[in-house]
Amino acid sequence: MKKIIRSHESNPTCQVELQRRTDDSHSLIAVTYVSGVEEIIDATGIPAQAICRRILNCG
C-alpha cells in the first residue's frame, strides 16, 4: 500500500489553496513557482500524473 504524502509534510513552505467551481467551465490549475512565474494549466482530460510531471519539470 502506498502512503500518500501531503504537500505540507514533504515541503512545509508549500502553500496550497483550493477553490472549487460549480459551473461547467474547464478545470484549471494555477501554479505560482518560487521564481514568481505563474502558470495556468487546463486540466481537462489530463491525467494527474502528467500534471505532476509538468509541475516538477518547471519547478
PDB file of N, CA and C in Angstrom:
ATOM      1  N   MET A   1       0.845  -1.179   0.000  1.00  0.00           N
ATOM      2  CA  MET A   1       0.000   0.000   0.000  1.00  0.00           C
ATOM      3  C   MET A   1       0.889   1.240   0.000  1.00  0.00           C
ATOM      4  N   LYS A   2       0.628   2.165  -0.895  1.00  0.00           N
ATOM      5  CA  LYS A   2       1.407   3.395  -0.976  1.00  0.00           C
ATOM      6  C   LYS A   2       0.919   4.400   0.043  1.00  0.00           C
ATOM      7  N   LYS A   3       1.852   5.116   0.619  1.00  0.00           N
ATOM      8  CA  LYS A   3       1.490   6.193   1.534  1.00  0.00           C
ATOM      9  C   LYS A   3       1.391   7.487   0.728  1.00  0.00           C
ATOM     10  N   ILE A   4       0.300   8.186   0.884  1.00  0.00           N
ATOM     11  CA  ILE A   4       0.125   9.470   0.208  1.00  0.00           C
ATOM     12  C   ILE A   4       0.780  10.541   1.071  1.00  0.00           C
ATOM     13  N   ILE A   5       1.752  11.254   0.503  1.00  0.00           N
ATOM     14  CA  ILE A   5       2.445  12.311   1.226  1.00  0.00           C
ATOM     15  C   ILE A   5       1.771  13.629   0.904  1.00  0.00           C
ATOM     16  N   ARG A   6       1.268  14.288   1.893  1.00  0.00           N
ATOM     17  CA  ARG A   6       0.616  15.578   1.705  1.00  0.00           C
ATOM     18  C   ARG A   6       1.683  16.646   1.463  1.00  0.00           C
ATOM     19  N   SER A   7       1.328  17.681   0.717  1.00  0.00           N
ATOM     20  CA  SER A   7       2.299  18.703   0.325  1.00  0.00           C
ATOM     21  C   SER A   7       2.961  19.365   1.526  1.00  0.00           C
ATOM     22  N   HIS A   8       2.229  19.628   2.588  1.00  0.00           N
ATOM     23  CA  HIS A   8       2.828  20.305   3.733  1.00  0.00           C
ATOM     24  C   HIS A   8       3.758  19.392   4.522  1.00  0.00           C
ATOM     25  N   GLU A   9       3.613  18.082   4.401  1.00  0.00           N
ATOM     26  CA  GLU A   9       4.517  17.160   5.075  1.00  0.00           C
ATOM     27  C   GLU A   9       5.848  17.063   4.334  1.00  0.00           C
ATOM     28  N   SER A  10       5.794  17.032   3.008  1.00  0.00           N
ATOM     29  CA  SER A  10       7.015  16.900   2.227  1.00  0.00           C
ATOM     30  C   SER A  10       7.701  18.240   1.984  1.00  0.00           C
ATOM     31  N   ASN A  11       6.946  19.343   2.061  1.00  0.00           N
ATOM     32  CA  ASN A  11       7.504  20.671   1.832  1.00  0.00           C
ATOM     33  C   ASN A  11       6.720  21.677   2.685  1.00  0.00           C
ATOM     34  N   PRO A  12       7.180  21.937   3.900  1.00  0.00           N
ATOM     35  CA  PRO A  12       6.430  22.796   4.814  1.00  0.00           C
ATOM     36  C   PRO A  12       6.174  24.210   4.292  1.00  0.00           C
ATOM     37  N   THR A  13       6.976  24.698   3.355  1.00  0.00           N
ATOM     38  CA  THR A  13       6.778  26.047   2.840  1.00  0.00           C
ATOM     39  C   THR A  13       5.801  26.094   1.668  1.00  0.00           C
ATOM     40  N   CYS A  14       5.367  24.937   1.194  1.00  0.00           N
ATOM     41  CA  CYS A  14       4.420  24.881   0.083  1.00  0.00           C
ATOM     42  C   CYS A  14       3.045  25.339   0.562  1.00  0.00           C
ATOM     43  N   GLN A  15       2.408  26.176  -0.237  1.00  0.00           N
ATOM     44  CA  GLN A  15       1.067  26.649   0.092  1.00  0.00           C
ATOM     45  C   GLN A  15       0.097  26.144  -0.966  1.00  0.00           C
ATOM     46  N   VAL A  16      -0.990  25.548  -0.532  1.00  0.00           N
ATOM     47  CA  VAL A  16      -1.999  25.033  -1.447  1.00  0.00           C
ATOM     48  C   VAL A  16      -3.324  25.701  -1.116  1.00  0.00           C
ATOM     49  N   GLU A  17      -3.944  26.271  -2.134  1.00  0.00           N
ATOM     50  CA  GLU A  17      -5.243  26.909  -1.963  1.00  0.00           C
ATOM     51  C   GLU A  17      -6.228  26.233  -2.910  1.00  0.00           C
ATOM     52  N   LEU A  18      -7.337  25.801  -2.390  1.00  0.00           N
ATOM     53  CA  LEU A  18      -8.334  25.107  -3.188  1.00  0.00           C
ATOM     54  C   LEU A  18      -9.561  25.989  -3.374  1.00  0.00           C
ATOM     55  N   GLN A  19      -9.955  26.155  -4.633  1.00  0.00           N
ATOM     56  CA  GLN A  19     -11.176  26.879  -4.956  1.00  0.00           C
ATOM     57  C   GLN A  19     -11.967  26.008  -5.919  1.00  0.00           C
ATOM     58  N   ARG A  20     -13.159  25.624  -5.530  1.00  0.00           N
ATOM     59  CA  ARG A  20     -13.996  24.762  -6.367  1.00  0.00           C
ATOM     60  C   ARG A  20     -15.009  25.598  -7.137  1.00  0.00           C
ATOM     61  N   ARG A  21     -15.201  25.229  -8.387  1.00  0.00           N
ATOM     62  CA  ARG A  21     -16.194  25.892  -9.219  1.00  0.00           C
ATOM     63  C   ARG A  21     -17.418  25.006  -9.318  1.00  0.00           C
ATOM     64  N   THR A  22     -18.553  25.618  -9.468  1.00  0.00           N
ATOM     65  CA  THR A  22     -19.786  24.856  -9.597  1.00  0.00           C
ATOM     66  C   THR A  22     -20.421  25.019 -10.974  1.00  0.00           C
ATOM     67  N   ASP A  23     -19.737  25.727 -11.874  1.00  0.00           N
ATOM     68  CA  ASP A  23     -20.270  25.890 -13.222  1.00  0.00           C
ATOM     69  C   ASP A  23     -19.649  24.845 -14.152  1.00  0.00           C
ATOM     70  N   ASP A  24     -19.908  24.956 -15.431  1.00  0.00           N
ATOM     71  CA  ASP A  24     -19.435  23.964 -16.408  1.00  0.00           C
ATOM     72  C   ASP A  24     -18.129  24.368 -17.087  1.00  0.00           C
ATOM     73  N   SER A  25     -17.363  25.265 -16.505  1.00  0.00           N
ATOM     74  CA  SER A  25     -16.117  25.697 -17.139  1.00  0.00           C
ATOM     75  C   SER A  25     -15.042  24.620 -16.997  1.00  0.00           C
ATOM     76  N   HIS A  26     -13.945  24.812 -17.719  1.00  0.00           N
ATOM     77  CA  HIS A  26     -12.831  23.867 -17.704  1.00  0.00           C
ATOM     78  C   HIS A  26     -12.185  23.811 -16.326  1.00  0.00           C
ATOM     79  N   SER A  27     -11.576  22.672 -16.033  1.00  0.00           N
ATOM     80  CA  SER A  27     -10.810  22.527 -14.793  1.00  0.00           C
ATOM     81  C   SER A  27      -9.456  23.191 -14.992  1.00  0.00           C
ATOM     82  N   LEU A  28      -9.168  24.198 -14.191  1.00  0.00           N
ATOM     83  CA  LEU A  28      -7.911  24.931 -14.303  1.00  0.00           C
ATOM     84  C   LEU A  28      -7.120  24.799 -13.017  1.00  0.00           C
ATOM     85  N   ILE A  29      -5.804  24.709 -13.160  1.00  0.00           N
ATOM     86  CA  ILE A  29      -4.907  24.680 -12.017  1.00  0.00           C
ATOM     87  C   ILE A  29      -3.945  25.842 -12.177  1.00  0.00           C
ATOM     88  N   ALA A  30      -3.897  26.720 -11.189  1.00  0.00           N
ATOM     89  CA  ALA A  30      -2.974  27.861 -11.214  1.00  0.00           C
ATOM     90  C   ALA A  30      -1.795  27.524 -10.309  1.00  0.00           C
ATOM     91  N   VAL A  31      -0.590  27.644 -10.854  1.00  0.00           N
ATOM     92  CA  VAL A  31       0.626  27.336 -10.108  1.00  0.00           C
ATOM     93  C   VAL A  31       1.516  28.569 -10.116  1.00  0.00           C
ATOM     94  N   THR A  32       2.000  28.962  -8.950  1.00  0.00           N
ATOM     95  CA  THR A  32       2.988  30.036  -8.847  1.00  0.00           C
ATOM     96  C   THR A  32       4.260  29.425  -8.281  1.00  0.00           C
ATOM     97  N   TYR A  33       5.335  29.494  -9.047  1.00  0.00           N
ATOM     98  CA  TYR A  33       6.611  28.914  -8.634  1.00  0.00           C
ATOM     99  C   TYR A  33       7.373  29.907  -7.764  1.00  0.00           C
ATOM    100  N   VAL A  34       8.377  29.417  -7.057  1.00  0.00           N
ATOM    101  CA  VAL A  34       9.187  30.257  -6.174  1.00  0.00           C
ATOM    102  C   VAL A  34       9.805  31.416  -6.951  1.00  0.00           C
ATOM    103  N   SER A  35      10.119  31.204  -8.204  1.00  0.00           N
ATOM    104  CA  SER A  35      10.724  32.244  -9.044  1.00  0.00           C
ATOM    105  C   SER A  35       9.750  33.367  -9.371  1.00  0.00           C
ATOM    106  N   GLY A  36       8.457  33.164  -9.049  1.00  0.00           N
ATOM    107  CA  GLY A  36       7.445  34.163  -9.352  1.00  0.00           C
ATOM    108  C   GLY A  36       6.700  33.896 -10.645  1.00  0.00           C
ATOM    109  N   VAL A  37       7.145  32.920 -11.421  1.00  0.00           N
ATOM    110  CA  VAL A  37       6.482  32.567 -12.668  1.00  0.00           C
ATOM    111  C   VAL A  37       5.141  31.922 -12.343  1.00  0.00           C
ATOM    112  N   GLU A  38       4.096  32.377 -13.029  1.00  0.00           N
ATOM    113  CA  GLU A  38       2.767  31.822 -12.841  1.00  0.00           C
ATOM    114  C   GLU A  38       2.367  31.033 -14.080  1.00  0.00           C
ATOM    115  N   GLU A  39       1.700  29.911 -13.859  1.00  0.00           N
ATOM    116  CA  GLU A  39       1.258  29.066 -14.968  1.00  0.00           C
ATOM    117  C   GLU A  39      -0.172  28.617 -14.685  1.00  0.00           C
ATOM    118  N   ILE A  40      -1.008  28.676 -15.712  1.00  0.00           N
ATOM    119  CA  ILE A  40      -2.375  28.181 -15.627  1.00  0.00           C
ATOM    120  C   ILE A  40      -2.427  26.918 -16.484  1.00  0.00           C
ATOM    121  N   ILE A  41      -2.808  25.800 -15.878  1.00  0.00           N
ATOM    122  CA  ILE A  41      -2.872  24.525 -16.578  1.00  0.00           C
ATOM    123  C   ILE A  41      -4.339  24.154 -16.774  1.00  0.00           C
ATOM    124  N   ASP A  42      -4.724  23.917 -18.021  1.00  0.00           N
ATOM    125  CA  ASP A  42      -6.067  23.414 -18.314  1.00  0.00           C
ATOM    126  C   ASP A  42      -6.014  21.909 -18.069  1.00  0.00           C
ATOM    127  N   ALA A  43      -6.614  21.468 -16.992  1.00  0.00           N
ATOM    128  CA  ALA A  43      -6.503  20.077 -16.560  1.00  0.00           C
ATOM    129  C   ALA A  43      -7.586  19.177 -17.139  1.00  0.00           C
ATOM    130  N   THR A  44      -8.354  19.692 -18.074  1.00  0.00           N
ATOM    131  CA  THR A  44      -9.423  18.906 -18.682  1.00  0.00           C
ATOM    132  C   THR A  44      -8.827  17.744 -19.469  1.00  0.00           C
ATOM    133  N   GLY A  45      -9.118  16.539 -19.051  1.00  0.00           N
ATOM    134  CA  GLY A  45      -8.672  15.349 -19.776  1.00  0.00           C
ATOM    135  C   GLY A  45      -7.214  14.997 -19.622  1.00  0.00           C
ATOM    136  N   ILE A  46      -6.506  15.634 -18.699  1.00  0.00           N
ATOM    137  CA  ILE A  46      -5.089  15.333 -18.482  1.00  0.00           C
ATOM    138  C   ILE A  46      -4.959  14.498 -17.212  1.00  0.00           C
ATOM    139  N   PRO A  47      -4.253  13.369 -17.272  1.00  0.00           N
ATOM    140  CA  PRO A  47      -4.066  12.563 -16.064  1.00  0.00           C
ATOM    141  C   PRO A  47      -3.288  13.326 -14.994  1.00  0.00           C
ATOM    142  N   ALA A  48      -3.592  13.053 -13.738  1.00  0.00           N
ATOM    143  CA  ALA A  48      -2.923  13.733 -12.620  1.00  0.00           C
ATOM    144  C   ALA A  48      -1.407  13.543 -12.672  1.00  0.00           C
ATOM    145  N   GLN A  49      -0.949  12.371 -13.099  1.00  0.00           N
ATOM    146  CA  GLN A  49       0.493  12.119 -13.185  1.00  0.00           C
ATOM    147  C   GLN A  49       1.163  13.066 -14.175  1.00  0.00           C
ATOM    148  N   ALA A  50       0.494  13.363 -15.277  1.00  0.00           N
ATOM    149  CA  ALA A  50       1.054  14.278 -16.278  1.00  0.00           C
ATOM    150  C   ALA A  50       1.130  15.695 -15.732  1.00  0.00           C
ATOM    151  N   ILE A  51       0.128  16.085 -14.958  1.00  0.00           N
ATOM    152  CA  ILE A  51       0.145  17.419 -14.332  1.00  0.00           C
ATOM    153  C   ILE A  51       1.284  17.501 -13.331  1.00  0.00           C
ATOM    154  N   CYS A  52       1.456  16.472 -12.517  1.00  0.00           N
ATOM    155  CA  CYS A  52       2.549  16.442 -11.538  1.00  0.00           C
ATOM    156  C   CYS A  52       3.907  16.533 -12.225  1.00  0.00           C
ATOM    157  N   ARG A  53       4.098  15.768 -13.315  1.00  0.00           N
ATOM    158  CA  ARG A  53       5.366  15.804 -14.055  1.00  0.00           C
ATOM    159  C   ARG A  53       5.630  17.208 -14.587  1.00  0.00           C
ATOM    160  N   ARG A  54       4.591  17.829 -15.121  1.00  0.00           N
ATOM    161  CA  ARG A  54       4.735  19.180 -15.687  1.00  0.00           C
ATOM    162  C   ARG A  54       5.181  20.169 -14.606  1.00  0.00           C
ATOM    163  N   ILE A  55       4.544  20.095 -13.433  1.00  0.00           N
ATOM    164  CA  ILE A  55       4.907  20.997 -12.340  1.00  0.00           C
ATOM    165  C   ILE A  55       6.316  20.723 -11.850  1.00  0.00           C
ATOM    166  N   LEU A  56       6.685  19.451 -11.689  1.00  0.00           N
ATOM    167  CA  LEU A  56       8.040  19.101 -11.241  1.00  0.00           C
ATOM    168  C   LEU A  56       9.098  19.528 -12.249  1.00  0.00           C
ATOM    169  N   ASN A  57       8.810  19.394 -13.550  1.00  0.00           N
ATOM    170  CA  ASN A  57       9.771  19.791 -14.575  1.00  0.00           C
ATOM    171  C   ASN A  57       9.984  21.308 -14.604  1.00  0.00           C
ATOM    172  N   CYS A  58       8.942  22.052 -14.342  1.00  0.00           N
ATOM    173  CA  CYS A  58       9.047  23.512 -14.356  1.00  0.00           C
ATOM    174  C   CYS A  58       9.600  24.055 -13.045  1.00  0.00           C
ATOM    175  N   GLY A  59       9.407  23.307 -11.972  1.00  0.00           N
ATOM    176  CA  GLY A  59       9.847  23.766 -10.645  1.00  0.00           C
ATOM    177  C   GLY A  59      11.292  23.561 -10.466  1.00  0.00           C
TER     178      GLY A  59
END
